Amino acid sequence: MSGKDEKDLIQERADTPRVPQRIHWPLQAMPLARAIAIIYVFLIGYGCLNPFNVDWKFGLDPFAWWTGPLPKYITLFDVTINILGYIPLGFILVFALYPRWQGFQAITITLVFSAFLSGSIESAQSWLPTRVPTQIDWIANLMGAFIGALLAQPLGPHWLSGTALRKRFDYWFGTRWLSVALFILFPFAQIYPQSAWLGMGFLGLGVNPIANWGLGGIHHTIYEALVTGLSWFGRWKIHGA
């Protein structure tokens, strides 16, 4: 082929309009979503069964909440909290079930699992004197899981497989993923009525500091300082000085 013919061929290829190609994202699972789903299930159980003051002689049938009458007083706050608490669960379960179950199947499995989880927790609350299991809580939990599953449905394979999430996470945070994990877990340390765990302190004391006046909080200060020091030491070991 002469130099002129080669130039003509290159020019012809350059003038040929390019047809956009459809990108086929791989149908792969997202292990992180499954790990988050498992952790979130344990957090729900922890928050709903805390403070674990179990009384086996409480005398209630564990399934009495299902056949019993509706509570006399139903507050909007309790219903809202029960709905909001299960929206992330329904959302992340769709990711965890992908790609084996998608669409209607993913929604169905999410609802069945959420119903079983919420029902088990309500039955377990029958032995907790400080908890009142009701049908309203179960229905609200199921509604939250359904809303969360619906919110995840419009997302494409590049989201459900974690490809887009991974790219954005690396762009925003880079290798600082441990700090992000601690930031996400912090709100769960403020769940009432538990005592502050992991030495994080209770934000409610900032509203009324007089309630903590005196020497009763010195030991809290000691172990909070210890945990903070260990955290900074771990960060230094991971990211370097």
C-alpha atoms as a PDB file:
ATOM      1  CA  MET A   1       0.000   0.000   0.000  1.00  0.00           C
ATOM      2  CA  SER A   2       1.406   3.367  -1.044  1.00  0.00           C
ATOM      3  CA  GLY A   3       1.703   6.297   1.301  1.00  0.00           C
ATOM      4  CA  LYS A   4      -1.137   8.092  -0.491  1.00  0.00           C
ATOM      5  CA  ASP A   5      -3.505   5.135  -0.177  1.00  0.00           C
ATOM      6  CA  GLU A   6      -2.680   4.811   3.516  1.00  0.00           C
ATOM      7  CA  LYS A   7      -3.430   8.487   4.085  1.00  0.00           C
ATOM      8  CA  ASP A   8      -6.733   8.139   2.227  1.00  0.00           C
ATOM      9  CA  LEU A   9      -7.669   5.126   4.400  1.00  0.00           C
ATOM     10  CA  ILE A  10      -6.856   7.015   7.592  1.00  0.00           C
ATOM     11  CA  GLN A  11      -8.875  10.007   6.409  1.00  0.00           C
ATOM     12  CA  GLU A  12     -11.808   7.745   5.500  1.00  0.00           C
ATOM     13  CA  ARG A  13     -11.805   6.194   8.960  1.00  0.00           C
ATOM     14  CA  ALA A  14     -11.645   9.637  10.559  1.00  0.00           C
ATOM     15  CA  ASP A  15     -14.624  10.842   8.502  1.00  0.00           C
ATOM     16  CA  THR A  16     -16.728   7.765   9.345  1.00  0.00           C
ATOM     17  CA  PRO A  17     -19.237   8.658  12.100  1.00  0.00           C
ATOM     18  CA  ARG A  18     -18.778   6.633  15.257  1.00  0.00           C
ATOM     19  CA  VAL A  19     -21.786   4.722  16.522  1.00  0.00           C
ATOM     20  CA  PRO A  20     -22.024   4.861  20.331  1.00  0.00           C
ATOM     21  CA  GLN A  21     -21.598   1.431  21.870  1.00  0.00           C
ATOM     22  CA  ARG A  22     -23.816   0.237  24.694  1.00  0.00           C
ATOM     23  CA  ILE A  23     -21.784  -0.634  27.758  1.00  0.00           C
ATOM     24  CA  HIS A  24     -22.746  -3.969  29.297  1.00  0.00           C
ATOM     25  CA  TRP A  25     -21.929  -3.879  32.979  1.00  0.00           C
ATOM     26  CA  PRO A  26     -20.974  -7.215  34.529  1.00  0.00           C
ATOM     27  CA  LEU A  27     -23.644  -8.953  36.587  1.00  0.00           C
ATOM     28  CA  GLN A  28     -21.511  -9.394  39.654  1.00  0.00           C
ATOM     29  CA  ALA A  29     -22.361  -9.451  43.331  1.00  0.00           C
ATOM     30  CA  MET A  30     -21.492  -6.692  45.770  1.00  0.00           C
ATOM     31  CA  PRO A  31     -19.927  -8.293  48.874  1.00  0.00           C
ATOM     32  CA  LEU A  32     -19.843  -4.957  50.691  1.00  0.00           C
ATOM     33  CA  ALA A  33     -23.635  -4.673  50.449  1.00  0.00           C
ATOM     34  CA  ARG A  34     -24.059  -8.103  52.008  1.00  0.00           C
ATOM     35  CA  ALA A  35     -21.704  -7.211  54.832  1.00  0.00           C
ATOM     36  CA  ILE A  36     -23.550  -3.937  55.453  1.00  0.00           C
ATOM     37  CA  ALA A  37     -26.895  -5.764  55.436  1.00  0.00           C
ATOM     38  CA  ILE A  38     -25.692  -8.231  58.081  1.00  0.00           C
ATOM     39  CA  ILE A  39     -24.293  -5.440  60.254  1.00  0.00           C
ATOM     40  CA  TYR A  40     -27.497  -3.420  59.911  1.00  0.00           C
ATOM     41  CA  VAL A  41     -29.612  -6.413  60.966  1.00  0.00           C
ATOM     42  CA  PHE A  42     -27.539  -6.714  64.151  1.00  0.00           C
ATOM     43  CA  LEU A  43     -27.872  -2.969  64.760  1.00  0.00           C
ATOM     44  CA  ILE A  44     -31.658  -3.210  64.443  1.00  0.00           C
ATOM     45  CA  GLY A  45     -31.724  -6.067  66.923  1.00  0.00           C
ATOM     46  CA  TYR A  46     -29.436  -4.168  69.282  1.00  0.00           C
ATOM     47  CA  GLY A  47     -31.506  -0.998  69.143  1.00  0.00           C
ATOM     48  CA  CYS A  48     -34.862  -2.759  69.538  1.00  0.00           C
ATOM     49  CA  LEU A  49     -33.867  -5.136  72.359  1.00  0.00           C
ATOM     50  CA  ASN A  50     -31.700  -2.770  74.380  1.00  0.00           C
ATOM     51  CA  PRO A  51     -31.209  -2.701  77.422  1.00  0.00           C
ATOM     52  CA  PHE A  52     -31.651  -6.516  77.364  1.00  0.00           C
ATOM     53  CA  ASN A  53     -33.379  -6.703  80.757  1.00  0.00           C
ATOM     54  CA  VAL A  54     -34.906 -10.090  79.935  1.00  0.00           C
ATOM     55  CA  ASP A  55     -37.529 -11.446  82.325  1.00  0.00           C
ATOM     56  CA  TRP A  56     -38.513 -15.010  81.405  1.00  0.00           C
ATOM     57  CA  LYS A  57     -41.288 -14.924  84.037  1.00  0.00           C
ATOM     58  CA  PHE A  58     -42.928 -11.862  82.569  1.00  0.00           C
ATOM     59  CA  GLY A  59     -45.924 -14.051  81.714  1.00  0.00           C
ATOM     60  CA  LEU A  60     -46.708 -12.901  78.159  1.00  0.00           C
ATOM     61  CA  ASP A  61     -47.262 -15.131  75.169  1.00  0.00           C
ATOM     62  CA  PRO A  62     -44.536 -14.269  72.625  1.00  0.00           C
ATOM     63  CA  PHE A  63     -47.211 -14.096  69.909  1.00  0.00           C
ATOM     64  CA  ALA A  64     -49.781 -12.157  71.917  1.00  0.00           C
ATOM     65  CA  TRP A  65     -48.856  -8.968  70.069  1.00  0.00           C
ATOM     66  CA  TRP A  66     -50.162 -10.472  66.826  1.00  0.00           C
ATOM     67  CA  THR A  67     -53.650 -11.319  68.091  1.00  0.00           C
ATOM     68  CA  GLY A  68     -53.918  -8.623  70.741  1.00  0.00           C
ATOM     69  CA  PRO A  69     -55.812  -5.340  70.364  1.00  0.00           C
ATOM     70  CA  LEU A  70     -54.226  -2.266  68.889  1.00  0.00           C
ATOM     71  CA  PRO A  71     -52.595   0.103  71.377  1.00  0.00           C
ATOM     72  CA  LYS A  72     -54.819   2.835  72.734  1.00  0.00           C
ATOM     73  CA  TYR A  73     -52.317   5.556  71.944  1.00  0.00           C
ATOM     74  CA  ILE A  74     -50.429   5.536  68.642  1.00  0.00           C
ATOM     75  CA  THR A  75     -47.887   8.337  68.318  1.00  0.00           C
ATOM     76  CA  LEU A  76     -46.685   9.657  64.988  1.00  0.00           C
ATOM     77  CA  PHE A  77     -43.121   9.667  66.305  1.00  0.00           C
ATOM     78  CA  ASP A  78     -43.063   5.914  66.977  1.00  0.00           C
ATOM     79  CA  VAL A  79     -44.591   5.086  63.597  1.00  0.00           C
ATOM     80  CA  THR A  80     -42.165   7.377  61.779  1.00  0.00           C
ATOM     81  CA  ILE A  81     -39.131   5.928  63.574  1.00  0.00           C
ATOM     82  CA  ASN A  82     -40.233   2.370  62.785  1.00  0.00           C
ATOM     83  CA  ILE A  83     -40.643   3.237  59.103  1.00  0.00           C
ATOM     84  CA  LEU A  84     -37.367   5.136  58.805  1.00  0.00           C
ATOM     85  CA  GLY A  85     -35.452   2.404  60.616  1.00  0.00           C
ATOM     86  CA  TYR A  86     -36.279  -0.220  57.988  1.00  0.00           C
ATOM     87  CA  ILE A  87     -35.896   1.922  54.842  1.00  0.00           C
ATOM     88  CA  PRO A  88     -32.085   1.442  54.768  1.00  0.00           C
ATOM     89  CA  LEU A  89     -32.557  -2.295  55.344  1.00  0.00           C
ATOM     90  CA  GLY A  90     -34.905  -2.661  52.377  1.00  0.00           C
ATOM     91  CA  PHE A  91     -32.607  -0.525  50.242  1.00  0.00           C
ATOM     92  CA  ILE A  92     -29.390  -2.405  51.012  1.00  0.00           C
ATOM     93  CA  LEU A  93     -31.050  -5.838  50.743  1.00  0.00           C
ATOM     94  CA  VAL A  94     -31.760  -5.181  47.056  1.00  0.00           C
ATOM     95  CA  PHE A  95     -28.021  -4.613  46.589  1.00  0.00           C
ATOM     96  CA  ALA A  96     -27.196  -7.720  48.634  1.00  0.00           C
ATOM     97  CA  LEU A  97     -29.536  -9.928  46.575  1.00  0.00           C
ATOM     98  CA  TYR A  98     -28.177  -8.719  43.224  1.00  0.00           C
ATOM     99  CA  PRO A  99     -27.609 -10.311  40.699  1.00  0.00           C
ATOM    100  CA  ARG A 100     -29.233 -13.611  41.657  1.00  0.00           C
ATOM    101  CA  TRP A 101     -32.559 -11.992  42.494  1.00  0.00           C
ATOM    102  CA  GLN A 102     -33.682  -8.773  40.843  1.00  0.00           C
ATOM    103  CA  GLY A 103     -36.826  -6.740  40.365  1.00  0.00           C
ATOM    104  CA  PHE A 104     -39.999  -8.249  41.784  1.00  0.00           C
ATOM    105  CA  GLN A 105     -38.129 -11.226  43.240  1.00  0.00           C
ATOM    106  CA  ALA A 106     -35.775  -8.947  45.176  1.00  0.00           C
ATOM    107  CA  ILE A 107     -38.707  -6.939  46.560  1.00  0.00           C
ATOM    108  CA  THR A 108     -40.543 -10.111  47.600  1.00  0.00           C
ATOM    109  CA  ILE A 109     -37.520 -11.608  49.373  1.00  0.00           C
ATOM    110  CA  THR A 110     -36.843  -8.274  51.074  1.00  0.00           C
ATOM    111  CA  LEU A 111     -40.409  -8.085  52.390  1.00  0.00           C
ATOM    112  CA  VAL A 112     -40.420 -11.696  53.597  1.00  0.00           C
ATOM    113  CA  PHE A 113     -37.092 -11.299  55.384  1.00  0.00           C
ATOM    114  CA  SER A 114     -38.071  -7.946  56.922  1.00  0.00           C
ATOM    115  CA  ALA A 115     -41.395  -9.370  58.106  1.00  0.00           C
ATOM    116  CA  PHE A 116     -39.619 -12.318  59.733  1.00  0.00           C
ATOM    117  CA  LEU A 117     -36.980 -10.083  61.337  1.00  0.00           C
ATOM    118  CA  SER A 118     -39.488  -7.580  62.687  1.00  0.00           C
ATOM    119  CA  GLY A 119     -41.830 -10.336  63.908  1.00  0.00           C
ATOM    120  CA  SER A 120     -38.984 -12.109  65.699  1.00  0.00           C
ATOM    121  CA  ILE A 121     -37.949  -8.888  67.416  1.00  0.00           C
ATOM    122  CA  GLU A 122     -41.531  -8.101  68.445  1.00  0.00           C
ATOM    123  CA  SER A 123     -41.874 -11.594  69.933  1.00  0.00           C
ATOM    124  CA  ALA A 124     -38.555 -11.231  71.761  1.00  0.00           C
ATOM    125  CA  GLN A 125     -39.783  -7.941  73.230  1.00  0.00           C
ATOM    126  CA  SER A 126     -42.500  -9.920  75.027  1.00  0.00           C
ATOM    127  CA  TRP A 127     -39.867 -10.828  77.645  1.00  0.00           C
ATOM    128  CA  LEU A 128     -38.637  -7.241  78.027  1.00  0.00           C
ATOM    129  CA  PRO A 129     -40.638  -5.293  80.641  1.00  0.00           C
ATOM    130  CA  THR A 130     -39.556  -1.960  79.133  1.00  0.00           C
ATOM    131  CA  ARG A 131     -40.779  -2.832  75.619  1.00  0.00           C
ATOM    132  CA  VAL A 132     -44.315  -3.044  74.238  1.00  0.00           C
ATOM    133  CA  PRO A 133     -44.631  -5.189  71.085  1.00  0.00           C
ATOM    134  CA  THR A 134     -47.497  -4.164  68.801  1.00  0.00           C
ATOM    135  CA  GLN A 135     -48.866  -4.874  65.350  1.00  0.00           C
ATOM    136  CA  ILE A 136     -48.359  -1.221  64.438  1.00  0.00           C
ATOM    137  CA  ASP A 137     -44.599  -1.542  64.846  1.00  0.00           C
ATOM    138  CA  TRP A 138     -44.527  -4.623  62.621  1.00  0.00           C
ATOM    139  CA  ILE A 139     -46.623  -2.970  59.905  1.00  0.00           C
ATOM    140  CA  ALA A 140     -44.515   0.204  60.043  1.00  0.00           C
ATOM    141  CA  ASN A 141     -41.302  -1.831  59.748  1.00  0.00           C
ATOM    142  CA  LEU A 142     -42.706  -3.654  56.738  1.00  0.00           C
ATOM    143  CA  MET A 143     -43.691  -0.359  55.111  1.00  0.00           C
ATOM    144  CA  GLY A 144     -40.183   0.993  55.627  1.00  0.00           C
ATOM    145  CA  ALA A 145     -38.573  -2.082  54.056  1.00  0.00           C
ATOM    146  CA  PHE A 146     -40.963  -1.845  51.097  1.00  0.00           C
ATOM    147  CA  ILE A 147     -40.143   1.836  50.547  1.00  0.00           C
ATOM    148  CA  GLY A 148     -36.417   1.117  50.718  1.00  0.00           C
ATOM    149  CA  ALA A 149     -36.696  -1.734  48.206  1.00  0.00           C
ATOM    150  CA  LEU A 150     -38.664   0.480  45.820  1.00  0.00           C
ATOM    151  CA  LEU A 151     -36.061   3.246  46.061  1.00  0.00           C
ATOM    152  CA  ALA A 152     -33.360   0.806  44.938  1.00  0.00           C
ATOM    153  CA  GLN A 153     -35.265  -0.520  41.923  1.00  0.00           C
ATOM    154  CA  PRO A 154     -34.503   2.320  39.432  1.00  0.00           C
ATOM    155  CA  LEU A 155     -30.749   1.887  39.947  1.00  0.00           C
ATOM    156  CA  GLY A 156     -28.918   0.181  37.095  1.00  0.00           C
ATOM    157  CA  PRO A 157     -26.403  -2.679  37.174  1.00  0.00           C
ATOM    158  CA  HIS A 158     -23.456  -0.280  37.480  1.00  0.00           C
ATOM    159  CA  TRP A 159     -24.921   0.842  40.824  1.00  0.00           C
ATOM    160  CA  LEU A 160     -26.175  -2.514  42.090  1.00  0.00           C
ATOM    161  CA  SER A 161     -22.855  -4.204  41.333  1.00  0.00           C
ATOM    162  CA  GLY A 162     -21.021  -1.493  43.257  1.00  0.00           C
ATOM    163  CA  THR A 163     -19.002  -0.171  40.310  1.00  0.00           C
ATOM    164  CA  ALA A 164     -20.323   3.391  40.459  1.00  0.00           C
ATOM    165  CA  LEU A 165     -20.287   3.471  44.256  1.00  0.00           C
ATOM    166  CA  ARG A 166     -16.697   2.309  44.357  1.00  0.00           C
ATOM    167  CA  LYS A 167     -15.553   4.959  41.876  1.00  0.00           C
ATOM    168  CA  ARG A 168     -17.278   7.762  43.768  1.00  0.00           C
ATOM    169  CA  PHE A 169     -16.065   6.528  47.153  1.00  0.00           C
ATOM    170  CA  ASP A 170     -12.464   6.388  45.956  1.00  0.00           C
ATOM    171  CA  TYR A 171     -12.807   9.844  44.404  1.00  0.00           C
ATOM    172  CA  TRP A 172     -14.253  11.419  47.574  1.00  0.00           C
ATOM    173  CA  PHE A 173     -12.344   9.629  50.336  1.00  0.00           C
ATOM    174  CA  GLY A 174      -9.440   7.715  48.786  1.00  0.00           C
ATOM    175  CA  THR A 175      -7.801   5.552  51.445  1.00  0.00           C
ATOM    176  CA  ARG A 176      -9.594   7.297  54.323  1.00  0.00           C
ATOM    177  CA  TRP A 177     -12.325   4.658  54.433  1.00  0.00           C
ATOM    178  CA  LEU A 178     -11.763   3.855  58.138  1.00  0.00           C
ATOM    179  CA  SER A 179     -12.600   7.417  59.173  1.00  0.00           C
ATOM    180  CA  VAL A 180     -15.789   7.258  57.118  1.00  0.00           C
ATOM    181  CA  ALA A 181     -16.801   3.981  58.789  1.00  0.00           C
ATOM    182  CA  LEU A 182     -16.368   5.520  62.253  1.00  0.00           C
ATOM    183  CA  PHE A 183     -18.364   8.576  61.186  1.00  0.00           C
ATOM    184  CA  ILE A 184     -21.237   6.374  59.972  1.00  0.00           C
ATOM    185  CA  LEU A 185     -21.264   4.280  63.163  1.00  0.00           C
ATOM    186  CA  PHE A 186     -21.257   7.297  65.502  1.00  0.00           C
ATOM    187  CA  PRO A 187     -25.056   7.959  65.402  1.00  0.00           C
ATOM    188  CA  PHE A 188     -25.716   4.402  66.571  1.00  0.00           C
ATOM    189  CA  ALA A 189     -23.705   5.137  69.713  1.00  0.00           C
ATOM    190  CA  GLN A 190     -26.317   7.740  70.636  1.00  0.00           C
ATOM    191  CA  ILE A 191     -29.303   5.356  70.659  1.00  0.00           C
ATOM    192  CA  TYR A 192     -31.398   6.007  73.753  1.00  0.00           C
ATOM    193  CA  PRO A 193     -31.623   4.656  76.494  1.00  0.00           C
ATOM    194  CA  GLN A 194     -28.286   2.872  76.322  1.00  0.00           C
ATOM    195  CA  SER A 195     -25.179   4.194  78.019  1.00  0.00           C
ATOM    196  CA  ALA A 196     -22.559   5.727  75.768  1.00  0.00           C
ATOM    197  CA  TRP A 197     -20.432   2.910  74.367  1.00  0.00           C
ATOM    198  CA  LEU A 198     -16.991   2.973  72.768  1.00  0.00           C
ATOM    199  CA  GLY A 199     -16.242   6.008  74.942  1.00  0.00           C
ATOM    200  CA  MET A 200     -17.980   8.371  72.511  1.00  0.00           C
ATOM    201  CA  GLY A 201     -19.959  10.299  75.098  1.00  0.00           C
ATOM    202  CA  PHE A 202     -23.638  11.221  75.023  1.00  0.00           C
ATOM    203  CA  LEU A 203     -24.632  14.319  73.054  1.00  0.00           C
ATOM    204  CA  GLY A 204     -27.679  14.882  75.282  1.00  0.00           C
ATOM    205  CA  LEU A 205     -25.402  16.062  78.083  1.00  0.00           C
ATOM    206  CA  GLY A 206     -24.413  19.008  75.939  1.00  0.00           C
ATOM    207  CA  VAL A 207     -28.008  20.280  76.053  1.00  0.00           C
ATOM    208  CA  ASN A 208     -28.185  20.141  79.856  1.00  0.00           C
ATOM    209  CA  PRO A 209     -24.615  20.092  81.212  1.00  0.00           C
ATOM    210  CA  ILE A 210     -25.841  20.734  84.775  1.00  0.00           C
ATOM    211  CA  ALA A 211     -27.129  17.153  84.868  1.00  0.00           C
ATOM    212  CA  ASN A 212     -23.530  15.933  84.708  1.00  0.00           C
ATOM    213  CA  TRP A 213     -22.131  18.432  87.216  1.00  0.00           C
ATOM    214  CA  GLY A 214     -19.710  17.081  89.784  1.00  0.00           C
ATOM    215  CA  LEU A 215     -17.157  14.319  89.934  1.00  0.00           C
ATOM    216  CA  GLY A 216     -19.314  11.490  88.606  1.00  0.00           C
ATOM    217  CA  GLY A 217     -17.997  11.867  85.056  1.00  0.00           C
ATOM    218  CA  ILE A 218     -14.285  11.684  85.807  1.00  0.00           C
ATOM    219  CA  HIS A 219     -14.050   7.977  85.022  1.00  0.00           C
ATOM    220  CA  HIS A 220     -15.864   8.605  81.716  1.00  0.00           C
ATOM    221  CA  THR A 221     -13.262  11.217  80.845  1.00  0.00           C
ATOM    222  CA  ILE A 222     -10.473   8.755  81.554  1.00  0.00           C
ATOM    223  CA  TYR A 223     -11.700   5.966  79.299  1.00  0.00           C
ATOM    224  CA  GLU A 224     -12.798   8.416  76.586  1.00  0.00           C
ATOM    225  CA  ALA A 225      -9.262   9.813  76.529  1.00  0.00           C
ATOM    226  CA  LEU A 226      -7.901   6.270  76.406  1.00  0.00           C
ATOM    227  CA  VAL A 227     -10.134   5.264  73.494  1.00  0.00           C
ATOM    228  CA  THR A 228      -9.314   8.493  71.642  1.00  0.00           C
ATOM    229  CA  GLY A 229      -5.608   7.851  72.069  1.00  0.00           C
ATOM    230  CA  LEU A 230      -5.923   4.289  70.818  1.00  0.00           C
ATOM    231  CA  SER A 231      -7.933   5.519  67.823  1.00  0.00           C
ATOM    232  CA  TRP A 232      -5.267   8.032  66.850  1.00  0.00           C
ATOM    233  CA  PHE A 233      -2.601   5.355  67.318  1.00  0.00           C
ATOM    234  CA  GLY A 234      -4.513   3.008  64.991  1.00  0.00           C
ATOM    235  CA  ARG A 235      -4.900   5.768  62.421  1.00  0.00           C
ATOM    236  CA  TRP A 236      -1.165   6.469  62.591  1.00  0.00           C
ATOM    237  CA  LYS A 237      -0.353   2.778  62.102  1.00  0.00           C
ATOM    238  CA  ILE A 238      -2.665   2.523  59.068  1.00  0.00           C
ATOM    239  CA  HIS A 239      -1.958   5.804  57.273  1.00  0.00           C
ATOM    240  CA  GLY A 240       1.524   6.495  58.560  1.00  0.00           C
ATOM    241  CA  ALA A 241       2.861   9.399  60.523  1.00  0.00           C
END
